[in-house]
Amino acid sequence: MAVARVHVRSWQQGYRDLVAQDFLDGIRPEDMAIRYAFDGMDVRQGPYTLVATDRDTIRGHITIGRSRDDHIIDGGEIWSLYVDPPHWGSGVSRALLAAGCERLSQAGHEQAFLWVLATNMRARQFYERNGWTSDGVQKPVVLGGAPVHQVRYVTPLGRQA
């Protein structure tokens, strides 16, 4: 449940002014908790979740697996990356991203993809600073009953620190 609480706090802070506030206010950790199963995880297929902790406190998490885009045959994907807002800018996100990419590389993937809200400039700049580039592919999704666009980013694997 602690992972889900971090996920909710990160959405509520990071997506403020990007998606409907009533949607964000209604997200509950109990609803997010079903996204995480830590037994029987499969790094090659996914989901596979890594957690960053400080003593017994979860600071963030990353979930990885194979690309969920049907036309991408052998790429890995960062399915999600969320850090508790008080720890943004502390290096937790960068460490999780590097660890996730390393695991995807070890699983045999040569490149990784991720999707980010087109209007989430904070996240987009973070990924760009860490060597990711947009490949120009976009897709619409619905969050809180309203359409938003996501942009796909890609990076070659095997070069992360």
N, C-alpha and C. Protein backbone atom coordinates (compact mmCIF):
# COMPACT_ATOMS: atom_id res chain seq x y z
N MET A 1 0.83 -1.19 0.00
CA MET A 1 0.00 0.00 0.00
C MET A 1 0.88 1.26 0.00
N ALA A 2 2.07 1.20 0.57
CA ALA A 2 2.95 2.37 0.63
C ALA A 2 3.35 2.82 -0.78
N VAL A 3 3.58 1.88 -1.69
CA VAL A 3 3.92 2.22 -3.07
C VAL A 3 2.75 2.98 -3.70
N ALA A 4 1.54 2.51 -3.45
CA ALA A 4 0.35 3.15 -4.01
C ALA A 4 0.16 4.56 -3.44
N ARG A 5 0.48 4.76 -2.17
CA ARG A 5 0.35 6.11 -1.59
C ARG A 5 1.33 7.08 -2.25
N VAL A 6 2.55 6.64 -2.53
CA VAL A 6 3.52 7.48 -3.25
C VAL A 6 2.99 7.78 -4.65
N HIS A 7 2.45 6.78 -5.30
CA HIS A 7 1.90 6.94 -6.65
C HIS A 7 0.81 8.01 -6.65
N VAL A 8 -0.11 7.94 -5.71
CA VAL A 8 -1.21 8.90 -5.64
C VAL A 8 -0.69 10.31 -5.36
N ARG A 9 0.21 10.45 -4.40
CA ARG A 9 0.75 11.79 -4.10
C ARG A 9 1.48 12.37 -5.31
N SER A 10 2.19 11.54 -6.02
CA SER A 10 2.91 12.00 -7.20
C SER A 10 1.95 12.45 -8.29
N TRP A 11 0.90 11.69 -8.53
CA TRP A 11 -0.11 12.10 -9.51
C TRP A 11 -0.76 13.40 -9.10
N GLN A 12 -1.16 13.49 -7.83
CA GLN A 12 -1.90 14.67 -7.39
C GLN A 12 -1.06 15.94 -7.48
N GLN A 13 0.23 15.83 -7.27
CA GLN A 13 1.11 17.00 -7.39
C GLN A 13 1.57 17.21 -8.83
N GLY A 14 2.03 16.14 -9.47
CA GLY A 14 2.62 16.26 -10.80
C GLY A 14 1.64 16.56 -11.91
N TYR A 15 0.40 16.10 -11.76
CA TYR A 15 -0.60 16.31 -12.81
C TYR A 15 -1.55 17.46 -12.50
N ARG A 16 -1.28 18.19 -11.40
CA ARG A 16 -2.09 19.37 -11.10
C ARG A 16 -2.01 20.33 -12.27
N ASP A 17 -3.13 20.84 -12.67
CA ASP A 17 -3.27 21.76 -13.81
C ASP A 17 -3.08 21.08 -15.16
N LEU A 18 -2.85 19.75 -15.17
CA LEU A 18 -2.72 19.02 -16.43
C LEU A 18 -3.94 18.14 -16.71
N VAL A 19 -4.58 17.70 -15.64
CA VAL A 19 -5.82 16.92 -15.74
C VAL A 19 -6.80 17.48 -14.72
N ALA A 20 -8.05 17.07 -14.82
CA ALA A 20 -9.11 17.61 -13.96
C ALA A 20 -8.80 17.41 -12.47
N GLN A 21 -8.92 18.49 -11.71
CA GLN A 21 -8.62 18.42 -10.28
C GLN A 21 -9.54 17.46 -9.54
N ASP A 22 -10.83 17.40 -9.91
CA ASP A 22 -11.74 16.49 -9.21
C ASP A 22 -11.33 15.03 -9.44
N PHE A 23 -10.78 14.73 -10.62
CA PHE A 23 -10.26 13.39 -10.88
C PHE A 23 -9.09 13.09 -9.95
N LEU A 24 -8.14 14.04 -9.86
CA LEU A 24 -6.98 13.85 -8.99
C LEU A 24 -7.39 13.71 -7.53
N ASP A 25 -8.34 14.53 -7.09
CA ASP A 25 -8.80 14.46 -5.71
C ASP A 25 -9.45 13.12 -5.39
N GLY A 26 -10.01 12.46 -6.40
CA GLY A 26 -10.71 11.22 -6.18
C GLY A 26 -9.85 9.97 -6.24
N ILE A 27 -8.58 10.10 -6.59
CA ILE A 27 -7.70 8.93 -6.67
C ILE A 27 -7.38 8.45 -5.26
N ARG A 28 -7.52 7.15 -5.05
CA ARG A 28 -7.27 6.58 -3.73
C ARG A 28 -6.16 5.53 -3.82
N PRO A 29 -5.32 5.44 -2.81
CA PRO A 29 -4.27 4.41 -2.82
C PRO A 29 -4.83 3.00 -3.00
N GLU A 30 -6.00 2.74 -2.44
CA GLU A 30 -6.60 1.42 -2.56
C GLU A 30 -6.84 1.05 -4.03
N ASP A 31 -7.18 2.05 -4.84
CA ASP A 31 -7.40 1.81 -6.26
C ASP A 31 -6.09 1.57 -7.00
N MET A 32 -5.05 2.28 -6.61
CA MET A 32 -3.74 2.14 -7.26
C MET A 32 -3.04 0.86 -6.85
N ALA A 33 -3.31 0.37 -5.65
CA ALA A 33 -2.59 -0.79 -5.11
C ALA A 33 -2.74 -2.03 -5.98
N ILE A 34 -3.82 -2.14 -6.72
CA ILE A 34 -4.02 -3.33 -7.56
C ILE A 34 -3.05 -3.37 -8.74
N ARG A 35 -2.36 -2.28 -9.00
CA ARG A 35 -1.40 -2.24 -10.09
C ARG A 35 -0.08 -2.93 -9.75
N TYR A 36 0.12 -3.25 -8.47
CA TYR A 36 1.40 -3.76 -8.03
C TYR A 36 1.27 -5.16 -7.46
N ALA A 37 2.04 -6.07 -8.02
CA ALA A 37 2.16 -7.43 -7.51
C ALA A 37 3.65 -7.73 -7.48
N PHE A 38 4.20 -7.92 -6.31
CA PHE A 38 5.64 -8.05 -6.18
C PHE A 38 6.12 -9.50 -6.19
N ASP A 39 5.19 -10.44 -6.16
CA ASP A 39 5.61 -11.84 -6.25
C ASP A 39 5.43 -12.31 -7.69
N GLY A 40 6.37 -13.09 -8.18
CA GLY A 40 6.29 -13.59 -9.54
C GLY A 40 6.53 -12.54 -10.60
N MET A 41 7.28 -11.48 -10.27
CA MET A 41 7.54 -10.42 -11.26
C MET A 41 8.44 -10.96 -12.37
N ASP A 42 8.25 -10.45 -13.58
CA ASP A 42 9.00 -10.88 -14.75
C ASP A 42 9.58 -9.65 -15.45
N VAL A 43 10.89 -9.45 -15.33
CA VAL A 43 11.52 -8.26 -15.90
C VAL A 43 11.43 -8.26 -17.43
N ARG A 44 11.43 -9.41 -18.05
CA ARG A 44 11.39 -9.48 -19.52
C ARG A 44 10.02 -9.07 -20.06
N GLN A 45 8.95 -9.57 -19.46
CA GLN A 45 7.60 -9.28 -19.92
C GLN A 45 6.96 -8.13 -19.16
N GLY A 46 7.14 -8.09 -17.86
CA GLY A 46 6.53 -7.08 -17.02
C GLY A 46 5.22 -7.57 -16.45
N PRO A 47 4.72 -6.92 -15.48
CA PRO A 47 5.37 -5.79 -14.82
C PRO A 47 6.44 -6.24 -13.84
N TYR A 48 7.45 -5.41 -13.71
CA TYR A 48 8.54 -5.62 -12.77
C TYR A 48 8.78 -4.27 -12.10
N THR A 49 8.60 -4.20 -10.80
CA THR A 49 8.68 -2.93 -10.07
C THR A 49 9.88 -2.90 -9.14
N LEU A 50 10.66 -1.85 -9.25
CA LEU A 50 11.77 -1.57 -8.34
C LEU A 50 11.36 -0.42 -7.43
N VAL A 51 11.75 -0.49 -6.18
CA VAL A 51 11.34 0.51 -5.19
C VAL A 51 12.58 1.14 -4.58
N ALA A 52 12.58 2.47 -4.47
CA ALA A 52 13.65 3.20 -3.79
C ALA A 52 13.18 3.49 -2.37
N THR A 53 14.02 3.13 -1.40
CA THR A 53 13.66 3.35 0.00
C THR A 53 14.75 4.12 0.72
N ASP A 54 14.35 4.74 1.79
CA ASP A 54 15.27 5.36 2.75
C ASP A 54 14.86 4.78 4.09
N ARG A 55 15.67 3.86 4.57
CA ARG A 55 15.31 3.04 5.73
C ARG A 55 14.03 2.27 5.38
N ASP A 56 12.95 2.50 6.07
CA ASP A 56 11.70 1.78 5.79
C ASP A 56 10.69 2.61 5.01
N THR A 57 11.11 3.78 4.52
CA THR A 57 10.18 4.68 3.85
C THR A 57 10.39 4.63 2.33
N ILE A 58 9.31 4.40 1.61
CA ILE A 58 9.39 4.37 0.15
C ILE A 58 9.48 5.79 -0.38
N ARG A 59 10.49 6.03 -1.21
CA ARG A 59 10.70 7.35 -1.82
C ARG A 59 10.19 7.40 -3.26
N GLY A 60 10.15 6.24 -3.93
CA GLY A 60 9.69 6.20 -5.31
C GLY A 60 9.72 4.80 -5.84
N HIS A 61 9.24 4.64 -7.08
CA HIS A 61 9.21 3.32 -7.71
C HIS A 61 9.18 3.47 -9.22
N ILE A 62 9.64 2.43 -9.89
CA ILE A 62 9.61 2.35 -11.34
C ILE A 62 9.09 0.97 -11.71
N THR A 63 8.21 0.92 -12.69
CA THR A 63 7.70 -0.35 -13.19
C THR A 63 8.11 -0.47 -14.66
N ILE A 64 8.68 -1.62 -14.99
CA ILE A 64 9.22 -1.86 -16.33
C ILE A 64 8.67 -3.18 -16.88
N GLY A 65 8.91 -3.38 -18.17
CA GLY A 65 8.55 -4.63 -18.84
C GLY A 65 8.76 -4.47 -20.33
N ARG A 66 8.21 -5.41 -21.09
CA ARG A 66 8.32 -5.30 -22.54
C ARG A 66 7.44 -4.14 -23.00
N SER A 67 7.74 -3.62 -24.17
CA SER A 67 6.92 -2.55 -24.72
C SER A 67 5.50 -3.04 -24.93
N ARG A 68 4.55 -2.23 -24.53
CA ARG A 68 3.14 -2.58 -24.71
C ARG A 68 2.61 -2.11 -26.06
N ASP A 69 3.46 -1.49 -26.88
CA ASP A 69 3.08 -1.10 -28.23
C ASP A 69 3.20 -2.34 -29.12
N ASP A 70 2.12 -2.73 -29.75
CA ASP A 70 2.08 -3.97 -30.53
C ASP A 70 3.13 -4.06 -31.62
N HIS A 71 3.45 -2.96 -32.27
CA HIS A 71 4.37 -3.00 -33.40
C HIS A 71 5.84 -2.98 -32.98
N ILE A 72 6.13 -2.81 -31.70
CA ILE A 72 7.52 -2.83 -31.23
C ILE A 72 7.80 -4.25 -30.74
N ILE A 73 8.63 -4.95 -31.49
CA ILE A 73 8.84 -6.37 -31.25
C ILE A 73 9.69 -6.64 -30.01
N ASP A 74 10.83 -5.99 -29.87
CA ASP A 74 11.75 -6.37 -28.80
C ASP A 74 12.25 -5.18 -28.00
N GLY A 75 11.39 -4.22 -27.76
CA GLY A 75 11.79 -3.08 -26.94
C GLY A 75 11.26 -3.21 -25.53
N GLY A 76 11.98 -2.62 -24.61
CA GLY A 76 11.52 -2.55 -23.23
C GLY A 76 10.75 -1.26 -23.04
N GLU A 77 10.05 -1.17 -21.93
CA GLU A 77 9.28 0.04 -21.65
C GLU A 77 9.34 0.38 -20.17
N ILE A 78 9.46 1.67 -19.90
CA ILE A 78 9.24 2.18 -18.56
C ILE A 78 7.73 2.39 -18.47
N TRP A 79 7.06 1.52 -17.75
CA TRP A 79 5.60 1.60 -17.65
C TRP A 79 5.19 2.75 -16.74
N SER A 80 5.97 2.99 -15.70
CA SER A 80 5.67 4.12 -14.80
C SER A 80 6.91 4.43 -13.97
N LEU A 81 7.03 5.68 -13.59
CA LEU A 81 8.10 6.17 -12.72
C LEU A 81 7.51 7.28 -11.87
N TYR A 82 7.44 7.05 -10.57
CA TYR A 82 6.86 8.05 -9.67
C TYR A 82 7.70 8.15 -8.41
N VAL A 83 7.94 9.39 -8.00
CA VAL A 83 8.70 9.68 -6.78
C VAL A 83 7.83 10.57 -5.91
N ASP A 84 7.90 10.32 -4.60
CA ASP A 84 7.14 11.14 -3.65
C ASP A 84 7.57 12.60 -3.83
N PRO A 85 6.61 13.51 -4.02
CA PRO A 85 6.95 14.91 -4.33
C PRO A 85 7.98 15.57 -3.41
N PRO A 86 8.01 15.31 -2.10
CA PRO A 86 9.06 15.95 -1.30
C PRO A 86 10.49 15.55 -1.72
N HIS A 87 10.61 14.50 -2.52
CA HIS A 87 11.93 14.01 -2.92
C HIS A 87 12.24 14.26 -4.39
N TRP A 88 11.39 15.05 -5.06
CA TRP A 88 11.70 15.45 -6.42
C TRP A 88 12.99 16.26 -6.41
N GLY A 89 13.84 16.03 -7.37
CA GLY A 89 15.09 16.77 -7.47
C GLY A 89 16.20 16.22 -6.59
N SER A 90 15.94 15.15 -5.86
CA SER A 90 16.93 14.60 -4.93
C SER A 90 17.82 13.53 -5.56
N GLY A 91 17.53 13.13 -6.79
CA GLY A 91 18.29 12.08 -7.45
C GLY A 91 17.59 10.73 -7.44
N VAL A 92 16.49 10.61 -6.72
CA VAL A 92 15.76 9.34 -6.66
C VAL A 92 15.25 8.95 -8.05
N SER A 93 14.66 9.90 -8.77
CA SER A 93 14.13 9.60 -10.11
C SER A 93 15.23 9.12 -11.05
N ARG A 94 16.35 9.80 -11.02
CA ARG A 94 17.47 9.44 -11.90
C ARG A 94 18.00 8.05 -11.56
N ALA A 95 18.11 7.75 -10.27
CA ALA A 95 18.59 6.43 -9.85
C ALA A 95 17.61 5.33 -10.27
N LEU A 96 16.33 5.58 -10.09
CA LEU A 96 15.33 4.60 -10.50
C LEU A 96 15.34 4.39 -12.01
N LEU A 97 15.44 5.48 -12.77
CA LEU A 97 15.48 5.39 -14.22
C LEU A 97 16.68 4.58 -14.67
N ALA A 98 17.84 4.85 -14.11
CA ALA A 98 19.06 4.11 -14.47
C ALA A 98 18.92 2.63 -14.11
N ALA A 99 18.37 2.34 -12.94
CA ALA A 99 18.20 0.95 -12.51
C ALA A 99 17.20 0.22 -13.41
N GLY A 100 16.12 0.89 -13.76
CA GLY A 100 15.13 0.29 -14.65
C GLY A 100 15.71 -0.01 -16.02
N CYS A 101 16.45 0.94 -16.56
CA CYS A 101 17.07 0.74 -17.88
C CYS A 101 18.11 -0.37 -17.83
N GLU A 102 18.85 -0.44 -16.75
CA GLU A 102 19.84 -1.50 -16.59
C GLU A 102 19.17 -2.88 -16.58
N ARG A 103 18.07 -2.99 -15.86
CA ARG A 103 17.33 -4.27 -15.82
C ARG A 103 16.77 -4.62 -17.20
N LEU A 104 16.25 -3.64 -17.91
CA LEU A 104 15.73 -3.90 -19.26
C LEU A 104 16.85 -4.36 -20.19
N SER A 105 18.02 -3.74 -20.07
CA SER A 105 19.17 -4.12 -20.87
C SER A 105 19.60 -5.54 -20.53
N GLN A 106 19.68 -5.87 -19.26
CA GLN A 106 20.06 -7.22 -18.83
C GLN A 106 19.06 -8.26 -19.32
N ALA A 107 17.81 -7.86 -19.51
CA ALA A 107 16.78 -8.77 -20.00
C ALA A 107 16.83 -8.93 -21.52
N GLY A 108 17.76 -8.22 -22.18
CA GLY A 108 17.96 -8.39 -23.61
C GLY A 108 17.35 -7.33 -24.50
N HIS A 109 16.75 -6.32 -23.91
CA HIS A 109 16.18 -5.25 -24.73
C HIS A 109 17.29 -4.30 -25.19
N GLU A 110 17.22 -3.86 -26.43
CA GLU A 110 18.23 -2.95 -26.96
C GLU A 110 17.83 -1.49 -26.87
N GLN A 111 16.53 -1.23 -26.71
CA GLN A 111 16.07 0.13 -26.54
C GLN A 111 14.85 0.12 -25.61
N ALA A 112 14.59 1.28 -25.05
CA ALA A 112 13.44 1.42 -24.15
C ALA A 112 12.58 2.58 -24.60
N PHE A 113 11.31 2.47 -24.29
CA PHE A 113 10.32 3.48 -24.61
C PHE A 113 9.59 3.88 -23.34
N LEU A 114 8.97 5.03 -23.38
CA LEU A 114 8.06 5.43 -22.31
C LEU A 114 7.09 6.45 -22.88
N TRP A 115 5.96 6.62 -22.20
CA TRP A 115 4.95 7.58 -22.60
C TRP A 115 4.81 8.62 -21.50
N VAL A 116 4.68 9.88 -21.89
CA VAL A 116 4.55 10.98 -20.95
C VAL A 116 3.49 11.94 -21.49
N LEU A 117 2.74 12.55 -20.57
CA LEU A 117 1.76 13.54 -21.02
C LEU A 117 2.47 14.64 -21.80
N ALA A 118 1.92 14.99 -22.93
CA ALA A 118 2.55 16.02 -23.78
C ALA A 118 2.70 17.34 -23.04
N THR A 119 1.78 17.64 -22.13
CA THR A 119 1.82 18.91 -21.39
C THR A 119 2.65 18.84 -20.11
N ASN A 120 3.21 17.69 -19.79
CA ASN A 120 3.98 17.53 -18.56
C ASN A 120 5.45 17.90 -18.84
N MET A 121 5.69 19.19 -18.90
CA MET A 121 7.01 19.68 -19.27
C MET A 121 8.08 19.32 -18.24
N ARG A 122 7.72 19.26 -16.97
CA ARG A 122 8.69 18.87 -15.94
C ARG A 122 9.23 17.48 -16.24
N ALA A 123 8.33 16.52 -16.52
CA ALA A 123 8.75 15.15 -16.80
C ALA A 123 9.51 15.08 -18.13
N ARG A 124 9.02 15.76 -19.14
CA ARG A 124 9.68 15.71 -20.44
C ARG A 124 11.10 16.24 -20.35
N GLN A 125 11.29 17.33 -19.63
CA GLN A 125 12.64 17.89 -19.48
C GLN A 125 13.54 16.94 -18.69
N PHE A 126 12.98 16.27 -17.69
CA PHE A 126 13.75 15.29 -16.92
C PHE A 126 14.25 14.18 -17.86
N TYR A 127 13.36 13.62 -18.66
CA TYR A 127 13.77 12.54 -19.55
C TYR A 127 14.78 13.02 -20.58
N GLU A 128 14.57 14.21 -21.13
CA GLU A 128 15.52 14.75 -22.10
C GLU A 128 16.89 14.97 -21.47
N ARG A 129 16.95 15.46 -20.25
CA ARG A 129 18.24 15.63 -19.55
C ARG A 129 18.94 14.30 -19.34
N ASN A 130 18.17 13.21 -19.33
CA ASN A 130 18.73 11.89 -19.09
C ASN A 130 18.88 11.08 -20.37
N GLY A 131 18.92 11.77 -21.53
CA GLY A 131 19.26 11.13 -22.78
C GLY A 131 18.12 10.55 -23.59
N TRP A 132 16.90 10.77 -23.17
CA TRP A 132 15.74 10.28 -23.92
C TRP A 132 15.34 11.32 -24.96
N THR A 133 14.79 10.85 -26.08
CA THR A 133 14.30 11.77 -27.11
C THR A 133 12.91 11.34 -27.56
N SER A 134 12.10 12.32 -27.89
CA SER A 134 10.78 12.03 -28.43
C SER A 134 10.96 11.50 -29.85
N ASP A 135 10.23 10.44 -30.18
CA ASP A 135 10.29 9.93 -31.54
C ASP A 135 9.14 10.45 -32.39
N GLY A 136 8.38 11.40 -31.84
CA GLY A 136 7.31 12.05 -32.59
C GLY A 136 5.97 11.33 -32.55
N VAL A 137 5.92 10.14 -31.98
CA VAL A 137 4.67 9.39 -31.91
C VAL A 137 3.84 9.92 -30.74
N GLN A 138 2.56 10.15 -31.00
CA GLN A 138 1.64 10.61 -29.96
C GLN A 138 0.42 9.72 -29.95
N LYS A 139 -0.26 9.69 -28.81
CA LYS A 139 -1.53 8.97 -28.74
C LYS A 139 -2.42 9.67 -27.72
N PRO A 140 -3.72 9.63 -27.98
CA PRO A 140 -4.66 10.21 -27.02
C PRO A 140 -5.02 9.18 -25.95
N VAL A 141 -5.21 9.65 -24.73
CA VAL A 141 -5.74 8.83 -23.64
C VAL A 141 -6.78 9.68 -22.92
N VAL A 142 -7.60 9.04 -22.13
CA VAL A 142 -8.61 9.76 -21.37
C VAL A 142 -8.26 9.64 -19.89
N LEU A 143 -8.11 10.78 -19.24
CA LEU A 143 -7.87 10.84 -17.79
C LEU A 143 -8.92 11.74 -17.18
N GLY A 144 -9.64 11.20 -16.23
CA GLY A 144 -10.67 12.01 -15.58
C GLY A 144 -11.78 12.42 -16.51
N GLY A 145 -12.04 11.61 -17.52
CA GLY A 145 -13.11 11.91 -18.46
C GLY A 145 -12.75 12.88 -19.56
N ALA A 146 -11.52 13.34 -19.58
CA ALA A 146 -11.10 14.31 -20.60
C ALA A 146 -9.93 13.74 -21.41
N PRO A 147 -9.92 14.01 -22.72
CA PRO A 147 -8.81 13.52 -23.53
C PRO A 147 -7.53 14.34 -23.28
N VAL A 148 -6.42 13.63 -23.21
CA VAL A 148 -5.10 14.25 -23.13
C VAL A 148 -4.20 13.49 -24.10
N HIS A 149 -3.10 14.10 -24.48
CA HIS A 149 -2.19 13.45 -25.41
C HIS A 149 -0.92 13.04 -24.69
N GLN A 150 -0.41 11.88 -25.09
CA GLN A 150 0.87 11.40 -24.61
C GLN A 150 1.86 11.43 -25.75
N VAL A 151 3.12 11.63 -25.40
CA VAL A 151 4.22 11.63 -26.36
C VAL A 151 5.14 10.47 -25.98
N ARG A 152 5.63 9.75 -27.00
CA ARG A 152 6.52 8.63 -26.73
C ARG A 152 7.97 9.08 -26.79
N TYR A 153 8.75 8.61 -25.83
CA TYR A 153 10.19 8.85 -25.77
C TYR A 153 10.92 7.52 -25.92
N VAL A 154 12.14 7.59 -26.42
CA VAL A 154 12.95 6.39 -26.66
C VAL A 154 14.40 6.66 -26.26
N THR A 155 15.09 5.61 -25.86
CA THR A 155 16.53 5.70 -25.59
C THR A 155 17.16 4.34 -25.89
N PRO A 156 18.40 4.34 -26.40
CA PRO A 156 19.10 3.06 -26.54
C PRO A 156 19.52 2.57 -25.16
N LEU A 157 19.57 1.27 -24.97
CA LEU A 157 19.96 0.72 -23.67
C LEU A 157 21.42 0.30 -23.71
N GLY A 158 21.95 0.03 -22.53
CA GLY A 158 23.33 -0.42 -22.42
C GLY A 158 24.32 0.70 -22.25
N ARG A 159 23.83 1.95 -22.10
CA ARG A 159 24.75 3.08 -21.95
C ARG A 159 24.49 3.87 -20.67
N GLN A 160 23.42 3.52 -19.92
CA GLN A 160 23.10 4.28 -18.71
C GLN A 160 24.14 4.04 -17.63
N ALA A 161 24.34 5.08 -16.81
CA ALA A 161 25.30 4.95 -15.71
C ALA A 161 24.72 4.09 -14.61
